[in-house]
Amino acid sequence: MTLTTSAFADGGIIPDPYTMNAGPAAVSPKLEWSHVPAGTVTFALILHDPDTSIRHSTQEVLHWLIFNIPGTATSLPEGVPATAQLPDGTIQGKNQRGTVGYMGMGAPAAGPYHHYTWELFALDTKLDLGPDATREDVLKAMDGHILGKGVVFGRFHR
C-alpha cells in the first residue's frame, strides 16, 4: 500500500501551515493512498514523532490518532476538523495534548530535525473503540487484522 501527500516530498521539510508555527491554525495535510489490499474494511492512521519520548520513557509523542476510516476511502482532505467522529464514521482519538484531532509539529529549533511519521494501516475489521481510545488500545485492537501498511514521513524543527 502506498501513502502520499502533496503537501511535501516524502522525507522533505514539512511546511509551516502543518506545524505549531501556524499556531492554532495548524491543519492536517492532505493524504492519499493507493494499492489497497483486497478485503480492507477500514483504515487507521497514526502520526508520531519517533525522535521524541515522553518524560524520558520509550513512548513517542502522538500527533494524530484516527481510525475506522471507511475502507472505500482513498484520501483524507487537508484540514480534517477536530471532531471526535466525522460524518462517515471515522473516529479521531486524543493527541499528546489530550485534545481530539491533529496536533501540528513542534520540534525545538535547537537540535536536529525531527522525523514525523504518518503510518496508515489497512484493516480487515472495524475497530470496536470510541474517541477515548488510546494509541495502545488501537494498536491492540489492530493486532491480527492488519492487511497492509503505507508510510510517509517529513522533517521539521522551528
Protein backbone atom coordinates (compact mmCIF):
# COMPACT_ATOMS: atom_id res chain seq x y z
CA MET A 1 0.00 0.00 0.00
CA THR A 2 1.29 3.45 -0.87
CA LEU A 3 0.68 6.58 1.24
CA THR A 4 1.48 10.02 -0.20
CA THR A 5 0.91 13.71 0.44
CA SER A 6 1.09 16.63 -1.94
CA ALA A 7 1.96 18.93 0.98
CA PHE A 8 5.67 18.00 0.95
CA ALA A 9 8.03 15.43 -0.56
CA ASP A 10 8.39 12.14 1.32
CA GLY A 11 11.27 12.80 3.71
CA GLY A 12 11.10 16.53 2.97
CA ILE A 13 10.60 19.58 5.15
CA ILE A 14 7.05 19.97 6.49
CA PRO A 15 5.70 23.45 5.61
CA ASP A 16 4.57 25.81 8.39
CA PRO A 17 0.78 25.50 7.82
CA TYR A 18 1.00 21.94 9.20
CA THR A 19 3.15 22.83 12.23
CA MET A 20 2.96 24.68 15.52
CA ASN A 21 4.47 27.66 13.69
CA ALA A 22 0.92 28.19 12.39
CA GLY A 23 -0.38 28.26 15.97
CA PRO A 24 -3.98 27.13 16.45
CA ALA A 25 -4.47 27.44 12.68
CA ALA A 26 -2.25 24.38 12.02
CA VAL A 27 -4.05 21.92 9.75
CA SER A 28 -3.52 18.31 8.80
CA PRO A 29 -2.03 17.80 5.32
CA LYS A 30 -3.99 16.07 2.58
CA LEU A 31 -3.11 12.37 2.46
CA GLU A 32 -3.81 9.94 -0.38
CA TRP A 33 -3.33 6.19 -0.65
CA SER A 34 -3.42 3.53 -3.33
CA HIS A 35 -2.71 -0.17 -3.90
CA VAL A 36 -5.08 -1.06 -1.06
CA PRO A 37 -5.17 -4.76 -0.14
CA ALA A 38 -8.30 -6.73 -1.02
CA GLY A 39 -10.60 -7.20 1.95
CA THR A 40 -9.87 -3.82 3.54
CA VAL A 41 -12.79 -2.80 5.77
CA THR A 42 -11.27 0.25 7.49
CA PHE A 43 -8.05 2.19 7.85
CA ALA A 44 -6.26 3.54 10.92
CA LEU A 45 -3.69 6.34 10.85
CA ILE A 46 -1.10 7.12 13.50
CA LEU A 47 1.13 10.21 13.28
CA HIS A 48 4.02 10.23 15.72
CA ASP A 49 7.47 11.69 16.34
CA PRO A 50 9.90 8.80 16.86
CA ASP A 51 12.68 11.26 17.77
CA THR A 52 10.97 12.39 20.99
CA SER A 53 9.96 10.46 24.06
CA ILE A 54 7.58 11.47 26.80
CA ARG A 55 9.13 12.12 30.19
CA HIS A 56 12.20 10.03 29.38
CA SER A 57 10.11 6.95 28.59
CA THR A 58 10.05 4.88 25.41
CA GLN A 59 6.64 6.30 24.39
CA GLU A 60 6.82 8.59 21.36
CA VAL A 61 4.86 11.83 21.06
CA LEU A 62 1.49 11.18 19.41
CA HIS A 63 0.32 13.88 16.98
CA TRP A 64 -2.75 12.22 15.48
CA LEU A 65 -4.81 9.09 16.04
CA ILE A 66 -7.62 8.49 13.56
CA PHE A 67 -9.34 5.18 12.86
CA ASN A 68 -12.38 3.47 11.34
CA ILE A 69 -11.76 5.42 8.15
CA PRO A 70 -14.04 3.63 5.65
CA GLY A 71 -12.30 1.01 3.50
CA THR A 72 -13.63 2.72 0.37
CA ALA A 73 -11.77 5.96 1.18
CA THR A 74 -8.67 6.86 -0.82
CA SER A 75 -7.72 10.08 0.96
CA LEU A 76 -8.10 12.43 3.89
CA PRO A 77 -8.57 16.09 2.99
CA GLU A 78 -6.37 18.90 4.21
CA GLY A 79 -7.68 20.30 7.47
CA VAL A 80 -9.66 17.38 8.88
CA PRO A 81 -11.93 19.01 11.51
CA ALA A 82 -11.05 18.39 15.15
CA THR A 83 -14.20 16.44 16.00
CA ALA A 84 -14.33 13.06 17.71
CA GLN A 85 -16.48 11.49 14.98
CA LEU A 86 -16.66 12.54 11.35
CA PRO A 87 -19.87 12.14 9.29
CA ASP A 88 -18.54 8.97 7.60
CA GLY A 89 -17.97 7.22 10.96
CA THR A 90 -14.25 7.95 11.16
CA ILE A 91 -13.14 8.40 14.77
CA GLN A 92 -10.37 10.69 15.99
CA GLY A 93 -8.69 9.99 19.30
CA LYS A 94 -6.77 12.34 21.52
CA ASN A 95 -3.28 13.54 20.66
CA GLN A 96 -0.44 14.12 23.13
CA ARG A 97 -2.03 17.35 24.36
CA GLY A 98 -5.20 15.48 25.25
CA THR A 99 -7.21 17.19 22.52
CA VAL A 100 -9.09 15.45 19.71
CA GLY A 101 -7.63 15.60 16.23
CA TYR A 102 -4.41 16.66 14.56
CA MET A 103 -1.58 18.33 16.51
CA GLY A 104 1.00 20.21 14.43
CA MET A 105 4.72 19.55 14.70
CA GLY A 106 6.69 21.48 17.29
CA ALA A 107 10.27 20.22 17.45
CA PRO A 108 12.55 22.80 19.09
CA ALA A 109 14.79 25.00 16.96
CA ALA A 110 17.85 23.89 18.91
CA GLY A 111 18.86 20.45 17.81
CA PRO A 112 18.33 18.26 14.77
CA TYR A 113 15.24 17.90 12.64
CA HIS A 114 12.62 15.51 13.95
CA HIS A 115 11.18 12.84 11.65
CA TYR A 116 7.38 12.85 11.78
CA THR A 117 5.90 9.57 10.61
CA TRP A 118 2.40 9.00 9.23
CA GLU A 119 1.51 5.28 9.28
CA LEU A 120 -1.67 4.16 7.54
CA PHE A 121 -2.89 0.64 8.27
CA ALA A 122 -5.39 -1.28 6.12
CA LEU A 123 -7.55 -3.43 8.39
CA ASP A 124 -9.91 -6.32 7.78
CA THR A 125 -12.29 -5.11 10.51
CA LYS A 126 -13.92 -2.08 12.07
CA LEU A 127 -12.37 -1.32 15.46
CA ASP A 128 -14.84 -1.53 18.33
CA LEU A 129 -13.41 1.57 20.02
CA GLY A 130 -14.57 5.10 20.68
CA PRO A 131 -12.87 8.50 20.76
CA ASP A 132 -11.45 7.84 24.22
CA ALA A 133 -9.29 5.03 22.82
CA THR A 134 -5.56 5.44 23.34
CA ARG A 135 -2.87 4.59 20.82
CA GLU A 136 -2.24 1.42 22.82
CA ASP A 137 -5.95 0.49 22.60
CA VAL A 138 -5.90 0.98 18.83
CA LEU A 139 -2.69 -1.00 18.36
CA LYS A 140 -4.07 -3.86 20.46
CA ALA A 141 -7.38 -3.87 18.54
CA MET A 142 -5.48 -3.89 15.21
CA ASP A 143 -3.41 -6.92 16.21
CA GLY A 144 -4.10 -9.76 13.77
CA HIS A 145 -6.18 -7.52 11.48
CA ILE A 146 -3.50 -5.61 9.52
CA LEU A 147 -3.63 -6.31 5.78
CA GLY A 148 -1.15 -3.66 4.69
CA LYS A 149 0.68 -0.51 5.69
CA GLY A 150 1.75 2.71 3.98
CA VAL A 151 4.20 5.22 5.44
CA VAL A 152 5.20 8.79 4.64
CA PHE A 153 7.44 10.97 6.74
CA GLY A 154 8.55 14.57 6.89
CA ARG A 155 11.12 16.57 8.81
CA PHE A 156 10.66 19.69 10.91
CA HIS A 157 12.21 21.92 13.54
CA ARG A 158 11.41 25.52 14.41
